[in-house]
């Protein structure tokens, strides 16, 4: 099946990737054109992955995003000449642990890991370190271990800011440029968070709450359920069904089963958004925002949600171009396998409880109905036909 990630351009060398990322506003990790070349030495040839194997551990195949990430990383590494051991763990922690154990036993030369539970892989990382296998955390930080070498991700705090901003725009409190309007509310909202064992969920939440708090303090926003702590708002494993059930329970306990006004819902992921929207529609809040459906935010620009945005059902999502994330992971792997250190653009933010993990952060973008074309179609992420159908071709 073709996806936007599978349409990623062919990656021939690490040097090509670095140039491509430079064109996007940064030099990118793994720029190996440094001291050796300047001193007359010979740098290791980029993209020469002969006889080297990279283990790629992805969390699940139940999300189109993770399937596409795994495929993109695999394709890029294979284009660069590496053998790839790609495994999906079905959101099962023991399965992922066993898969990584097997990668190490089979002699992987590097590991790229998108952890299900960022605290559950300490023994695997110890084994990797003992075998001198570099470990790159992919999008989700691996915690409580000194044996995480590098982290590639997005600016996750800013993603949370963008999620909250899109909610405020949908409510009319801000315009799309982020300027305050004359809307004074009060607007009733509810808050959802991701899975507590995913470090990113905490960054999303913090960015969102730092953005919403002034409006909560001033009375422009209110949360009738009173559930304003991340532990109350969390959604284990980011499950759509769990979010739908919690939304149904909130409507029963705080909104008269749907008879009282609810204006918006902070949702940190498109899958959760769709579950929330189903609960709202079933409770009679309308079929579109124009019909009275509350404003619902999202993240990941999943094609089903992009169609909902185009159809005025979901209000917004956050576009994180994971094609670039896959590229950055490949650049970082190649740097390590050539005896170099990947270039980090953040060495302060991501403390995993044992060390601050050097990181490369990518930027994200809010997508509303009026910029689907420019953000997602013109960039080649989705096609017009896919947006119209809501199905990846």
Protein backbone atom coordinates (compact mmCIF):
# COMPACT_ATOMS: atom_id res chain seq x y z
CA UNK A 1 0.00 0.00 0.00
CA UNK A 2 1.33 3.41 -0.91
CA UNK A 3 1.49 5.96 1.90
CA UNK A 4 3.07 9.41 2.11
CA UNK A 5 5.95 7.85 3.96
CA UNK A 6 6.51 5.25 1.28
CA UNK A 7 6.70 8.08 -1.23
CA UNK A 8 9.80 9.35 0.55
CA UNK A 9 12.55 10.18 -1.90
CA UNK A 10 15.32 7.62 -2.39
CA UNK A 11 18.14 8.02 0.09
CA UNK A 12 21.47 7.23 -1.45
CA UNK A 13 23.99 8.57 1.04
CA UNK A 14 24.19 10.23 4.41
CA UNK A 15 25.72 13.23 2.69
CA UNK A 16 22.62 13.57 0.54
CA UNK A 17 20.46 13.49 3.65
CA UNK A 18 22.50 16.16 5.35
CA UNK A 19 22.19 18.45 2.35
CA UNK A 20 18.45 17.80 2.18
CA UNK A 21 18.00 18.66 5.83
CA UNK A 22 20.14 21.76 5.45
CA UNK A 23 17.70 22.94 2.80
CA UNK A 24 14.96 22.56 5.42
CA UNK A 25 16.71 24.96 7.77
CA UNK A 26 19.28 22.86 9.63
CA UNK A 27 22.50 21.05 8.89
CA UNK A 28 21.10 17.79 10.16
CA UNK A 29 22.80 15.17 12.27
CA UNK A 30 25.69 13.13 11.03
CA UNK A 31 27.57 15.77 9.04
CA UNK A 32 30.89 13.94 8.72
CA UNK A 33 32.66 16.56 6.64
CA UNK A 34 34.70 17.71 9.62
CA UNK A 35 38.18 17.19 11.01
CA UNK A 36 39.28 14.10 9.08
CA UNK A 37 38.63 15.65 5.69
CA UNK A 38 40.05 19.00 6.73
CA UNK A 39 43.27 17.35 7.96
CA UNK A 40 43.74 15.40 4.77
CA UNK A 41 42.30 12.16 6.12
CA UNK A 42 39.65 10.08 4.40
CA UNK A 43 36.19 10.09 5.91
CA UNK A 44 34.27 6.82 5.86
CA UNK A 45 32.16 6.59 2.71
CA UNK A 46 28.59 7.67 3.38
CA UNK A 47 25.94 5.10 2.68
CA UNK A 48 28.37 2.16 2.66
CA UNK A 49 26.36 -0.21 4.82
CA UNK A 50 27.72 -3.46 3.42
CA UNK A 51 27.53 -6.28 5.98
CA UNK A 52 25.99 -3.99 8.62
CA UNK A 53 22.57 -4.60 10.16
CA UNK A 54 20.29 -2.06 11.83
CA UNK A 55 17.51 -3.27 14.12
CA UNK A 56 14.36 -1.14 13.97
CA UNK A 57 11.82 -1.66 16.77
CA UNK A 58 8.42 -0.01 16.26
CA UNK A 59 5.59 -0.13 18.81
CA UNK A 60 2.52 -1.19 16.85
CA UNK A 61 0.85 -1.82 13.52
CA UNK A 62 -2.54 -0.57 14.73
CA UNK A 63 -1.64 3.03 13.80
CA UNK A 64 -0.99 4.02 10.19
CA UNK A 65 1.63 6.42 11.48
CA UNK A 66 3.88 3.71 13.00
CA UNK A 67 3.54 1.37 10.03
CA UNK A 68 4.62 4.18 7.76
CA UNK A 69 7.50 5.21 10.04
CA UNK A 70 8.84 1.69 10.09
CA UNK A 71 8.58 1.36 6.33
CA UNK A 72 10.27 4.72 5.75
CA UNK A 73 13.20 3.93 8.03
CA UNK A 74 13.59 0.49 6.47
CA UNK A 75 13.51 1.80 2.91
CA UNK A 76 15.99 4.57 3.64
CA UNK A 77 18.45 2.26 5.37
CA UNK A 78 18.20 -0.33 2.60
CA UNK A 79 18.80 2.38 -0.01
CA UNK A 80 21.96 3.25 1.93
CA UNK A 81 23.09 -0.38 1.76
CA UNK A 82 22.20 -1.69 5.21
CA UNK A 83 20.40 -4.88 6.15
CA UNK A 84 17.33 -4.03 8.23
CA UNK A 85 15.57 -6.08 10.89
CA UNK A 86 12.21 -4.29 11.26
CA UNK A 87 9.86 -5.51 13.99
CA UNK A 88 6.46 -4.31 15.22
CA UNK A 89 5.44 -5.27 18.76
CA UNK A 90 1.65 -4.97 18.72
CA UNK A 91 1.76 -2.53 21.67
CA UNK A 92 2.92 -5.42 23.86
CA UNK A 93 5.88 -4.59 26.11
CA UNK A 94 7.22 -8.16 26.56
CA UNK A 95 7.05 -8.68 22.80
CA UNK A 96 9.11 -5.56 22.13
CA UNK A 97 11.64 -6.54 24.79
CA UNK A 98 12.04 -9.97 23.22
CA UNK A 99 12.37 -8.50 19.74
CA UNK A 100 15.18 -6.20 20.83
CA UNK A 101 16.89 -9.04 22.71
CA UNK A 102 16.82 -11.05 19.50
CA UNK A 103 18.21 -8.17 17.44
CA UNK A 104 21.16 -7.95 19.83
CA UNK A 105 21.67 -11.72 19.81
CA UNK A 106 21.59 -11.71 16.01
CA UNK A 107 24.41 -9.18 15.90
CA UNK A 108 22.73 -5.88 15.07
CA UNK A 109 25.25 -3.08 14.58
CA UNK A 110 22.83 -0.32 15.64
CA UNK A 111 19.33 -0.03 17.06
CA UNK A 112 16.53 2.44 16.34
CA UNK A 113 13.81 2.06 18.97
CA UNK A 114 10.35 3.63 19.26
CA UNK A 115 9.51 2.32 22.71
CA UNK A 116 6.06 1.26 23.86
CA UNK A 117 6.98 1.97 27.47
CA UNK A 118 9.97 4.26 27.80
CA UNK A 119 10.92 2.75 31.16
CA UNK A 120 10.80 -0.95 30.26
CA UNK A 121 13.99 -1.53 28.24
CA UNK A 122 16.84 -1.08 30.73
CA UNK A 123 18.17 -4.64 30.47
CA UNK A 124 18.04 -4.56 26.68
CA UNK A 125 19.97 -1.29 26.60
CA UNK A 126 22.56 -2.68 29.01
CA UNK A 127 23.08 -5.61 26.66
CA UNK A 128 23.39 -3.25 23.71
CA UNK A 129 25.97 -1.13 25.51
CA UNK A 130 27.98 -4.23 26.44
CA UNK A 131 28.07 -5.14 22.75
CA UNK A 132 28.97 -1.56 21.70
CA UNK A 133 25.69 -1.18 19.82
CA UNK A 134 24.56 2.46 19.55
CA UNK A 135 20.92 3.07 20.48
CA UNK A 136 18.82 5.82 18.94
CA UNK A 137 15.47 6.58 20.56
CA UNK A 138 12.94 7.30 17.83
CA UNK A 139 10.29 9.93 18.65
CA UNK A 140 9.68 8.46 22.13
CA UNK A 141 12.39 9.02 24.73
CA UNK A 142 13.71 5.91 26.48
CA UNK A 143 13.96 6.69 30.17
CA UNK A 144 15.96 5.57 33.21
CA UNK A 145 19.00 4.36 31.28
CA UNK A 146 22.43 5.81 30.59
CA UNK A 147 22.64 3.66 27.47
CA UNK A 148 20.55 5.85 25.18
CA UNK A 149 22.98 7.44 22.77
CA UNK A 150 20.78 9.82 20.77
CA UNK A 151 17.18 10.94 20.38
CA UNK A 152 15.39 12.05 17.20
CA UNK A 153 11.99 13.66 17.65
CA UNK A 154 9.93 16.80 17.22
CA UNK A 155 9.77 19.80 19.53
CA UNK A 156 7.12 18.09 21.61
CA UNK A 157 6.51 20.95 24.03
CA UNK A 158 5.75 23.15 21.04
CA UNK A 159 3.44 20.46 19.64
CA UNK A 160 1.42 20.83 22.85
CA UNK A 161 1.41 24.60 22.45
CA UNK A 162 0.11 24.16 18.91
CA UNK A 163 -2.62 21.76 20.01
CA UNK A 164 -3.88 24.26 22.58
CA UNK A 165 -3.53 27.13 20.12
CA UNK A 166 -5.69 25.31 17.57
CA UNK A 167 -8.34 24.78 20.24
CA UNK A 168 -8.30 28.48 21.12
CA UNK A 169 -8.56 29.38 17.43
CA UNK A 170 -11.53 27.06 17.04
CA UNK A 171 -13.24 28.69 20.01
CA UNK A 172 -12.58 32.14 18.55
CA UNK A 173 -10.37 33.23 21.46
CA UNK A 174 -7.43 33.56 19.06
CA UNK A 175 -7.31 34.19 15.34
CA UNK A 176 -5.20 31.92 13.11
CA UNK A 177 -2.22 34.26 13.52
CA UNK A 178 -2.38 33.68 17.28
CA UNK A 179 -3.71 37.12 18.16
CA UNK A 180 -6.33 37.49 20.86
CA UNK A 181 -9.85 38.44 19.84
CA UNK A 182 -12.67 40.01 21.84
CA UNK A 183 -14.19 36.64 22.76
CA UNK A 184 -14.48 36.45 26.54
CA UNK A 185 -16.32 33.15 26.98
CA UNK A 186 -16.84 31.40 29.21
CA UNK A 187 -16.19 28.33 27.09
CA UNK A 188 -16.58 24.84 28.52
CA UNK A 189 -13.79 22.47 27.50
CA UNK A 190 -12.50 19.03 28.46
CA UNK A 191 -8.91 17.81 28.44
CA UNK A 192 -7.39 14.57 27.15
CA UNK A 193 -3.78 13.42 27.44
CA UNK A 194 -1.81 10.55 25.97
CA UNK A 195 -0.38 7.45 27.60
CA UNK A 196 1.59 8.19 30.77
CA UNK A 197 4.31 5.68 29.86
CA UNK A 198 5.07 7.73 26.72
CA UNK A 199 7.41 10.58 27.64
CA UNK A 200 6.03 12.69 24.79
CA UNK A 201 2.59 12.74 26.41
CA UNK A 202 4.00 14.80 29.27
CA UNK A 203 5.61 17.34 26.93
CA UNK A 204 2.40 17.66 24.91
CA UNK A 205 0.41 18.19 28.10
CA UNK A 206 2.82 20.74 29.55
CA UNK A 207 2.91 22.79 26.37
CA UNK A 208 -0.87 22.71 26.09
CA UNK A 209 -1.55 23.56 29.72
CA UNK A 210 0.98 26.39 29.78
CA UNK A 211 -0.95 27.85 26.84
CA UNK A 212 -4.44 27.29 28.25
CA UNK A 213 -3.76 28.19 31.89
CA UNK A 214 -4.03 31.99 31.54
CA UNK A 215 -7.48 31.57 29.98
CA UNK A 216 -8.52 29.13 32.71
CA UNK A 217 -7.32 31.59 35.34
CA UNK A 218 -9.22 34.49 33.76
CA UNK A 219 -12.45 32.53 33.36
CA UNK A 220 -12.47 32.56 29.56
CA UNK A 221 -12.19 28.77 29.76
CA UNK A 222 -13.62 26.36 32.30
CA UNK A 223 -13.46 22.58 32.74
CA UNK A 224 -16.83 21.51 34.19
CA UNK A 225 -15.64 17.98 35.03
CA UNK A 226 -12.80 19.37 37.13
CA UNK A 227 -10.46 16.78 35.60
CA UNK A 228 -7.41 18.96 35.05
CA UNK A 229 -4.51 16.69 36.06
CA UNK A 230 -2.66 14.60 33.50
CA UNK A 231 -3.34 11.46 35.52
CA UNK A 232 -7.08 12.09 35.18
CA UNK A 233 -6.85 12.96 31.49
CA UNK A 234 -4.44 10.19 30.43
CA UNK A 235 -5.34 7.58 27.80
CA UNK A 236 -3.44 4.31 28.18
CA UNK A 237 -1.70 3.22 24.95
CA UNK A 238 -3.36 6.11 23.11
CA UNK A 239 -6.39 3.89 22.45
CA UNK A 240 -9.30 5.40 20.52
CA UNK A 241 -11.86 3.22 22.30
CA UNK A 242 -10.55 4.34 25.70
CA UNK A 243 -10.91 7.99 24.71
CA UNK A 244 -14.43 7.43 23.41
CA UNK A 245 -15.47 5.71 26.65
CA UNK A 246 -14.01 8.49 28.80
CA UNK A 247 -15.77 11.14 26.70
CA UNK A 248 -19.05 9.27 27.09
CA UNK A 249 -18.52 9.11 30.86
CA UNK A 250 -17.74 12.83 31.01
CA UNK A 251 -20.88 13.68 29.07
CA UNK A 252 -22.95 11.58 31.47
CA UNK A 253 -21.39 12.96 34.65
CA UNK A 254 -20.88 16.62 33.74
CA UNK A 255 -23.09 17.49 30.75
CA UNK A 256 -26.44 15.85 31.44
CA UNK A 257 -25.72 13.15 28.89
CA UNK A 258 -25.33 15.76 26.17
CA UNK A 259 -27.96 18.31 27.14
CA UNK A 260 -25.49 20.92 28.41
CA UNK A 261 -23.08 22.97 26.34
CA UNK A 262 -19.57 21.75 25.62
CA UNK A 263 -17.52 23.98 23.35
CA UNK A 264 -14.21 22.21 22.84
CA UNK A 265 -11.97 19.25 23.63
CA UNK A 266 -8.19 19.21 23.81
CA UNK A 267 -7.10 15.98 22.13
CA UNK A 268 -3.39 15.17 21.67
CA UNK A 269 -3.75 12.57 18.89
CA UNK A 270 -6.02 12.05 15.88
CA UNK A 271 -7.01 8.53 16.92
CA UNK A 272 -8.27 9.86 20.25
CA UNK A 273 -9.97 12.72 18.42
CA UNK A 274 -12.02 10.33 16.32
CA UNK A 275 -13.17 8.43 19.40
CA UNK A 276 -14.08 11.68 21.14
CA UNK A 277 -15.99 12.90 18.08
CA UNK A 278 -17.95 9.65 17.88
CA UNK A 279 -19.03 10.07 21.51
CA UNK A 280 -20.03 13.69 20.89
CA UNK A 281 -22.02 12.89 17.77
CA UNK A 282 -23.77 9.98 19.46
CA UNK A 283 -24.76 12.33 22.29
CA UNK A 284 -26.43 14.70 19.83
CA UNK A 285 -23.92 17.54 19.65
CA UNK A 286 -24.17 17.77 15.87
CA UNK A 287 -22.36 16.23 12.95
CA UNK A 288 -20.11 19.20 12.06
CA UNK A 289 -18.61 22.19 13.84
CA UNK A 290 -21.05 24.41 11.96
CA UNK A 291 -23.91 22.30 13.37
CA UNK A 292 -22.69 22.70 16.96
CA UNK A 293 -20.13 19.90 17.27
CA UNK A 294 -17.48 20.98 19.80
CA UNK A 295 -14.06 21.99 18.50
CA UNK A 296 -11.65 19.04 18.74
CA UNK A 297 -7.88 19.27 18.25
CA UNK A 298 -5.55 16.44 17.19
CA UNK A 299 -2.09 15.37 16.09
CA UNK A 300 -0.33 13.35 13.37
CA UNK A 301 -2.36 14.36 10.29
CA UNK A 302 -3.74 10.84 9.90
CA UNK A 303 -5.66 10.64 6.66
CA UNK A 304 -8.99 9.73 8.29
CA UNK A 305 -8.73 12.86 10.44
CA UNK A 306 -7.55 15.04 7.57
CA UNK A 307 -10.78 14.17 5.76
CA UNK A 308 -12.75 15.00 8.92
CA UNK A 309 -11.04 18.39 9.02
CA UNK A 310 -11.85 18.99 5.36
CA UNK A 311 -15.47 18.03 6.16
CA UNK A 312 -15.72 20.41 9.18
CA UNK A 313 -15.92 17.57 11.70
CA UNK A 314 -12.51 17.65 13.42
CA UNK A 315 -11.21 21.19 13.71
CA UNK A 316 -7.43 20.79 13.41
CA UNK A 317 -4.43 18.49 13.65
CA UNK A 318 -0.69 18.89 14.06
CA UNK A 319 1.42 17.90 11.06
CA UNK A 320 4.70 16.29 12.05
CA UNK A 321 6.45 15.33 8.82
CA UNK A 322 7.74 11.93 9.87
CA UNK A 323 9.48 11.54 6.52
CA UNK A 324 12.01 13.99 7.92
CA UNK A 325 12.11 12.10 11.21
CA UNK A 326 12.97 8.88 9.38
CA UNK A 327 15.70 10.69 7.45
CA UNK A 328 17.16 12.10 10.65
CA UNK A 329 17.24 8.67 12.28
CA UNK A 330 19.13 7.30 9.27
CA UNK A 331 21.61 10.19 9.31
CA UNK A 332 22.24 9.55 13.01
CA UNK A 333 22.75 5.81 12.54
CA UNK A 334 25.21 6.39 9.73
CA UNK A 335 27.18 8.84 11.85
CA UNK A 336 27.62 6.25 14.62
CA UNK A 337 28.48 3.45 12.22
CA UNK A 338 31.16 5.66 10.68
CA UNK A 339 32.65 6.40 14.09
CA UNK A 340 31.23 9.92 14.27
CA UNK A 341 28.89 11.68 16.69
CA UNK A 342 25.54 12.80 15.24
CA UNK A 343 24.90 16.51 15.32
CA UNK A 344 22.44 17.51 18.04
CA UNK A 345 20.44 20.73 18.07
CA UNK A 346 19.24 20.25 21.67
CA UNK A 347 21.46 19.12 24.54
CA UNK A 348 19.39 20.43 27.45
CA UNK A 349 15.74 19.43 27.23
CA UNK A 350 15.46 15.65 27.25
CA UNK A 351 16.57 14.36 30.64
CA UNK A 352 15.64 10.68 30.82
CA UNK A 353 16.13 10.47 34.58
CA UNK A 354 19.75 9.37 34.32
CA UNK A 355 21.25 11.65 31.68
CA UNK A 356 20.36 14.42 29.29
CA UNK A 357 20.12 12.66 25.95
CA UNK A 358 21.53 14.65 23.00
CA UNK A 359 18.68 15.22 20.58
CA UNK A 360 17.73 16.45 17.15
CA UNK A 361 14.35 18.22 17.15
CA UNK A 362 12.18 18.85 14.11
CA UNK A 363 9.40 21.40 13.72
CA UNK A 364 5.65 20.85 13.32
CA UNK A 365 2.72 22.78 11.85
CA UNK A 366 -0.95 23.33 12.69
CA UNK A 367 -3.28 22.14 9.93
CA UNK A 368 -6.76 23.62 9.55
CA UNK A 369 -9.17 23.06 6.68
CA UNK A 370 -7.81 26.07 4.81
CA UNK A 371 -4.18 24.89 4.67
CA UNK A 372 -4.62 21.17 3.97
CA UNK A 373 -3.62 21.82 0.37
CA UNK A 374 -0.42 23.71 1.10
CA UNK A 375 0.72 21.73 4.14
CA UNK A 376 -0.20 18.19 3.16
CA UNK A 377 -0.98 17.91 -0.55
CA UNK A 378 1.57 20.27 -2.07
CA UNK A 379 4.27 18.69 0.12
CA UNK A 380 3.41 15.23 -1.22
CA UNK A 381 2.37 13.91 2.18
CA UNK A 382 -1.17 13.06 1.02
CA UNK A 383 -2.79 13.33 -2.39
CA UNK A 384 -6.02 15.17 -3.17
CA UNK A 385 -7.69 11.82 -3.82
CA UNK A 386 -6.62 10.51 -0.41
CA UNK A 387 -7.91 13.62 1.34
CA UNK A 388 -11.22 13.29 -0.47
CA UNK A 389 -11.62 9.60 0.39
CA UNK A 390 -9.99 9.59 3.82
CA UNK A 391 -8.08 6.45 2.87
CA UNK A 392 -4.38 6.05 2.08
CA UNK A 393 -3.81 4.60 -1.37
